[in-house]
Amino acid sequence: MKYNTFLSVNESSKYLNDPDWRFVDCRFYLQEPDQGYQDYLEGHIPGAVYAHLDRDLSGVVITGKTGRHPLPDIQDISEKLSTWGITRRTQVIAYDNLGGAFAARLWWLMRWLGHESVAVLDGGWSAWIVSGNVQETQESARSRRQFVPELQPDLLVDALYVDKIRMDPEYLLIDARSPERYWAIEENIDPVAGHIPGAVSAPFSENLEEDGYFLPDDMLKERFRNLLGDHTSEKTVVYCGSGVTSAHNIIAMLKAGIDMPKLYAGSWSEWITDPAHPTAP
């Protein structure tokens, strides 16, 4: 059976010793980029490998051209997956300690690469610990296997596409950042505050319960059906600050029974590199 949205700790723990399953630790802190790896060394799911947002799950930042977390080169990310022992047969489970905010990045990348057997651990690292599951501290080494991508380019759009559709009533542009950043009330990450004109606010954090677990399916369905209205997923685009947490909305929509919308991966941090792009407070 393939798991392609999110999966409980109890179900995941049954497959710790399955060679066709791979756990990937995606813990990360924007202000302390190396702390996630230190947390991994202090304790992680047995057999899990560590994925660094900046070094493994993102490409090279080009000042004035890209956003903060551009997509990785296809060959580079495919090679990284291969070194982690992941093939097209592998069931991948990504986790973090922020409700799936960073794990969803790996989830989306793998879907973009044509790999459907990937899910986010519901409740993440804290749920694993609270459930009394075992952990290990030594870094996990895996035998290299060959991952062969089958790119899904239709899942992705660029700034030109967004600029064309952002005010078109047939399309829906969704901003997954916090309301404070959307409304330019506060901005401590990017040099310009505000949002893309025409976008609606739908913070990814509202996909979660207070304890960090995803909302029940029926609540996710109600949330996104109300948000989309008559819009189809084919004409829906999601963005955030740098193309990371927007994937959280995408996985929640898929779990709610809605087809995957498109991702503007460059997101706000790329949008504002071009002074010709309009912004709204």
Protein backbone atom coordinates (compact mmCIF):
# COMPACT_ATOMS: atom_id res chain seq x y z
CA MET A 1 0.00 0.00 0.00
CA LYS A 2 1.25 3.48 -0.88
CA TYR A 3 0.99 6.35 1.59
CA ASN A 4 0.98 9.73 -0.13
CA THR A 5 -0.24 12.42 2.31
CA PHE A 6 0.45 11.91 6.01
CA LEU A 7 0.68 8.91 8.29
CA SER A 8 0.32 8.30 12.02
CA VAL A 9 3.20 7.44 14.32
CA ASN A 10 1.56 4.15 15.30
CA GLU A 11 1.29 3.01 11.70
CA SER A 12 4.75 4.25 10.73
CA SER A 13 6.47 2.52 13.64
CA LYS A 14 5.45 -0.88 12.23
CA TYR A 15 7.89 -0.41 9.35
CA LEU A 16 11.09 0.58 11.16
CA ASN A 17 12.93 -2.49 9.91
CA ASP A 18 11.43 -2.58 6.43
CA PRO A 19 14.22 -2.05 3.86
CA ASP A 20 11.72 -0.51 1.46
CA TRP A 21 10.83 2.26 3.92
CA ARG A 22 12.96 5.32 4.58
CA PHE A 23 12.45 7.93 7.31
CA VAL A 24 13.87 11.40 6.59
CA ASP A 25 14.42 13.94 9.38
CA CYS A 26 13.70 17.46 8.08
CA ARG A 27 13.99 19.47 11.29
CA PHE A 28 15.20 22.99 10.57
CA TYR A 29 15.31 26.51 12.02
CA LEU A 30 15.45 29.51 9.69
CA GLN A 31 17.42 31.59 12.18
CA GLU A 32 19.75 28.73 13.20
CA PRO A 33 20.33 26.65 10.04
CA ASP A 34 22.60 24.07 11.68
CA GLN A 35 20.49 23.42 14.78
CA GLY A 36 18.23 20.90 13.07
CA TYR A 37 21.19 18.64 12.32
CA GLN A 38 22.36 18.93 15.92
CA ASP A 39 18.89 17.91 17.08
CA TYR A 40 19.09 14.94 14.72
CA LEU A 41 22.41 13.83 16.27
CA GLU A 42 20.88 14.10 19.75
CA GLY A 43 18.05 11.78 18.80
CA HIS A 44 16.08 10.65 15.75
CA ILE A 45 13.92 7.85 14.42
CA PRO A 46 16.11 4.75 14.01
CA GLY A 47 17.44 4.50 10.48
CA ALA A 48 16.42 8.03 9.54
CA VAL A 49 18.67 10.16 7.37
CA TYR A 50 18.88 13.93 7.77
CA ALA A 51 17.79 16.40 5.06
CA HIS A 52 19.04 19.98 5.43
CA LEU A 53 16.65 22.53 3.96
CA ASP A 54 19.37 24.81 2.59
CA ARG A 55 21.93 22.24 1.46
CA ASP A 56 19.81 19.26 0.43
CA LEU A 57 16.31 20.47 -0.38
CA SER A 58 17.15 23.78 -2.06
CA GLY A 59 19.31 25.03 -4.89
CA VAL A 60 21.83 27.84 -5.08
CA VAL A 61 20.52 31.26 -4.09
CA ILE A 62 21.29 33.93 -6.69
CA THR A 63 20.99 37.38 -5.14
CA GLY A 64 18.49 39.56 -6.92
CA LYS A 65 17.14 36.67 -9.00
CA THR A 66 15.97 33.74 -6.90
CA GLY A 67 14.00 33.44 -3.70
CA ARG A 68 15.49 32.23 -0.43
CA HIS A 69 14.96 28.54 -1.19
CA PRO A 70 15.01 27.93 -4.95
CA LEU A 71 14.27 24.42 -6.12
CA PRO A 72 17.30 22.13 -6.22
CA ASP A 73 18.82 21.01 -9.47
CA ILE A 74 17.02 17.83 -10.57
CA GLN A 75 20.24 15.86 -10.93
CA ASP A 76 21.48 17.05 -7.52
CA ILE A 77 18.34 16.11 -5.59
CA SER A 78 18.07 12.80 -7.44
CA GLU A 79 21.66 12.00 -6.46
CA LYS A 80 20.94 12.95 -2.86
CA LEU A 81 17.92 10.62 -2.78
CA SER A 82 20.10 7.88 -4.25
CA THR A 83 22.73 8.31 -1.52
CA TRP A 84 19.93 7.99 1.04
CA GLY A 85 19.07 4.60 -0.45
CA ILE A 86 15.78 5.73 -1.97
CA THR A 87 14.44 4.20 -5.17
CA ARG A 88 11.09 4.43 -6.92
CA ARG A 89 9.94 1.48 -4.76
CA THR A 90 10.76 3.15 -1.45
CA GLN A 91 8.04 4.42 0.88
CA VAL A 92 9.39 7.70 2.25
CA ILE A 93 8.20 9.22 5.53
CA ALA A 94 9.35 12.80 6.20
CA TYR A 95 9.12 14.42 9.61
CA ASP A 96 10.10 17.57 11.49
CA ASN A 97 9.16 19.32 14.73
CA LEU A 98 6.97 22.06 13.27
CA GLY A 99 3.79 20.29 12.25
CA GLY A 100 5.23 19.20 8.91
CA ALA A 101 6.18 22.71 7.74
CA PHE A 102 9.60 21.58 6.49
CA ALA A 103 8.82 17.91 5.93
CA ALA A 104 6.22 19.02 3.38
CA ARG A 105 9.05 20.48 1.29
CA LEU A 106 10.59 17.04 0.81
CA TRP A 107 7.11 15.63 0.22
CA TRP A 108 6.44 18.13 -2.59
CA LEU A 109 9.88 17.70 -4.16
CA MET A 110 9.36 13.97 -4.40
CA ARG A 111 5.92 14.41 -5.96
CA TRP A 112 7.50 16.83 -8.44
CA LEU A 113 10.05 14.13 -9.23
CA GLY A 114 7.25 11.65 -9.89
CA HIS A 115 7.48 9.70 -6.63
CA GLU A 116 4.03 9.17 -5.08
CA SER A 117 4.98 6.93 -2.15
CA VAL A 118 5.90 9.76 0.20
CA ALA A 119 4.08 10.96 3.29
CA VAL A 120 4.56 13.31 6.24
CA LEU A 121 4.60 11.91 9.77
CA ASP A 122 1.52 13.32 11.51
CA GLY A 123 2.59 15.07 14.71
CA GLY A 124 6.25 14.78 13.77
CA TRP A 125 9.13 14.17 16.12
CA SER A 126 7.23 15.18 19.26
CA ALA A 127 4.49 12.64 18.49
CA TRP A 128 7.14 9.96 18.03
CA ILE A 129 8.61 10.71 21.46
CA VAL A 130 5.26 11.10 23.24
CA SER A 131 4.21 7.70 21.90
CA GLY A 132 7.23 6.13 23.61
CA ASN A 133 8.94 4.96 20.45
CA VAL A 134 12.64 4.16 20.33
CA GLN A 135 15.21 6.63 19.03
CA GLU A 136 18.87 6.53 18.14
CA THR A 137 21.72 9.03 18.17
CA GLN A 138 24.26 7.66 15.70
CA GLU A 139 24.09 9.00 12.17
CA SER A 140 22.43 6.51 9.88
CA ALA A 141 24.33 5.30 6.83
CA ARG A 142 22.51 3.76 3.90
CA SER A 143 23.72 1.80 0.91
CA ARG A 144 23.39 3.79 -2.27
CA ARG A 145 20.53 2.93 -4.59
CA GLN A 146 19.51 4.57 -7.84
CA PHE A 147 16.64 7.03 -7.83
CA VAL A 148 15.30 7.78 -11.31
CA PRO A 149 13.08 10.88 -11.50
CA GLU A 150 10.03 11.27 -13.70
CA LEU A 151 9.53 15.02 -13.59
CA GLN A 152 6.01 16.42 -13.24
CA PRO A 153 6.43 19.96 -14.66
CA ASP A 154 2.71 20.74 -14.53
CA LEU A 155 2.89 21.02 -10.72
CA LEU A 156 5.01 24.15 -11.00
CA VAL A 157 4.51 27.73 -12.22
CA ASP A 158 6.81 30.75 -12.41
CA ALA A 159 6.49 34.47 -11.67
CA LEU A 160 5.39 35.27 -15.23
CA TYR A 161 2.48 32.85 -14.88
CA VAL A 162 1.51 34.31 -11.50
CA ASP A 163 1.61 37.85 -12.86
CA LYS A 164 -0.75 36.85 -15.66
CA ILE A 165 -3.36 35.15 -13.49
CA ARG A 166 -3.23 36.97 -10.15
CA MET A 167 -6.17 39.29 -10.92
CA ASP A 168 -8.09 36.84 -13.12
CA PRO A 169 -11.32 35.78 -11.32
CA GLU A 170 -11.08 32.33 -12.89
CA TYR A 171 -7.88 31.70 -10.94
CA LEU A 172 -7.15 31.56 -7.23
CA LEU A 173 -3.81 32.63 -5.74
CA ILE A 174 -3.25 31.48 -2.15
CA ASP A 175 -0.70 32.90 0.31
CA ALA A 176 0.27 30.31 2.94
CA ARG A 177 2.18 32.68 5.25
CA SER A 178 0.90 34.06 8.54
CA PRO A 179 -1.75 36.83 8.46
CA GLU A 180 0.78 39.21 9.99
CA ARG A 181 3.14 38.78 7.06
CA TYR A 182 0.34 38.80 4.47
CA TRP A 183 -1.03 42.09 5.82
CA ALA A 184 2.47 43.61 6.28
CA ILE A 185 1.91 43.95 10.01
CA GLU A 186 5.28 42.37 10.66
CA GLU A 187 8.08 41.07 8.43
CA ASN A 188 11.32 39.78 9.95
CA ILE A 189 12.45 37.50 7.14
CA ASP A 190 12.14 39.27 3.78
CA PRO A 191 13.17 42.88 2.99
CA VAL A 192 9.72 43.84 1.66
CA ALA A 193 6.44 43.33 3.51
CA GLY A 194 3.03 42.60 2.03
CA HIS A 195 1.60 40.13 -0.46
CA ILE A 196 1.08 39.58 -4.18
CA PRO A 197 -1.96 41.64 -5.27
CA GLY A 198 -4.93 39.38 -5.90
CA ALA A 199 -3.81 36.67 -3.45
CA VAL A 200 -5.99 35.46 -0.57
CA SER A 201 -4.61 34.54 2.84
CA ALA A 202 -4.73 30.90 3.98
CA PRO A 203 -2.01 30.31 6.61
CA PHE A 204 -0.60 26.79 6.56
CA SER A 205 -0.71 26.74 10.37
CA GLU A 206 -4.50 26.55 10.19
CA ASN A 207 -4.19 23.02 8.81
CA LEU A 208 -3.09 21.94 12.28
CA GLU A 209 -4.64 21.36 15.66
CA GLU A 210 -3.06 23.01 18.70
CA ASP A 211 -0.97 19.91 19.43
CA GLY A 212 0.62 19.96 15.96
CA TYR A 213 -1.41 17.17 14.37
CA PHE A 214 -3.24 17.71 11.10
CA LEU A 215 -6.92 18.53 11.34
CA PRO A 216 -9.35 15.67 10.63
CA ASP A 217 -10.05 15.08 6.95
CA ASP A 218 -13.57 16.51 7.10
CA MET A 219 -12.31 19.78 8.61
CA LEU A 220 -9.57 20.07 5.99
CA LYS A 221 -12.16 19.44 3.31
CA GLU A 222 -14.45 22.13 4.67
CA ARG A 223 -11.58 24.59 4.94
CA PHE A 224 -10.38 24.24 1.39
CA ARG A 225 -13.76 23.76 -0.25
CA ASN A 226 -14.81 27.07 1.29
CA LEU A 227 -11.57 28.66 0.15
CA LEU A 228 -11.68 27.37 -3.41
CA GLY A 229 -15.37 27.90 -4.04
CA ASP A 230 -15.88 27.27 -7.75
CA HIS A 231 -12.17 27.33 -8.55
CA THR A 232 -10.55 24.12 -9.75
CA SER A 233 -7.21 22.93 -8.45
CA GLU A 234 -5.91 23.26 -12.01
CA LYS A 235 -6.46 27.03 -11.72
CA THR A 236 -5.22 27.36 -8.15
CA VAL A 237 -1.69 28.47 -7.26
CA VAL A 238 -0.13 28.39 -3.79
CA TYR A 239 2.87 30.38 -2.59
CA CYS A 240 4.48 31.40 0.71
CA GLY A 241 7.74 33.13 1.65
CA SER A 242 10.17 30.90 -0.21
CA GLY A 243 8.18 27.95 -1.56
CA VAL A 244 8.54 25.74 1.52
CA THR A 245 5.49 26.01 3.79
CA SER A 246 3.15 26.44 0.82
CA ALA A 247 3.62 22.70 0.27
CA HIS A 248 1.83 22.19 3.60
CA ASN A 249 -1.37 23.61 2.09
CA ILE A 250 -0.92 21.39 -0.95
CA ILE A 251 -0.62 18.20 1.08
CA ALA A 252 -3.62 19.22 3.19
CA MET A 253 -5.68 19.82 0.05
CA LEU A 254 -4.74 16.42 -1.32
CA LYS A 255 -5.70 14.78 1.97
CA ALA A 256 -9.03 16.62 1.74
CA GLY A 257 -9.74 14.94 -1.57
CA ILE A 258 -8.79 17.90 -3.76
CA ASP A 259 -6.37 17.47 -6.64
CA MET A 260 -2.96 19.06 -6.22
CA PRO A 261 -2.85 22.77 -7.08
CA LYS A 262 0.19 24.40 -8.65
CA LEU A 263 3.11 25.77 -6.68
CA TYR A 264 4.83 29.07 -7.28
CA ALA A 265 8.12 27.84 -5.87
CA GLY A 266 9.95 31.16 -5.96
CA SER A 267 7.17 32.67 -3.85
CA TRP A 268 7.28 36.06 -2.13
CA SER A 269 11.06 36.21 -1.70
CA GLU A 270 11.52 35.76 -5.46
CA TRP A 271 8.58 37.99 -6.42
CA ILE A 272 10.09 41.01 -4.65
CA THR A 273 13.47 40.70 -6.42
CA ASP A 274 11.83 42.34 -9.45
CA PRO A 275 10.88 45.98 -8.70
CA ALA A 276 8.37 45.83 -11.58
CA HIS A 277 6.26 43.33 -9.65
CA PRO A 278 3.46 45.06 -7.71
CA THR A 279 2.95 44.42 -4.00
CA ALA A 280 0.02 45.02 -1.71
CA PRO A 281 0.08 45.79 2.03
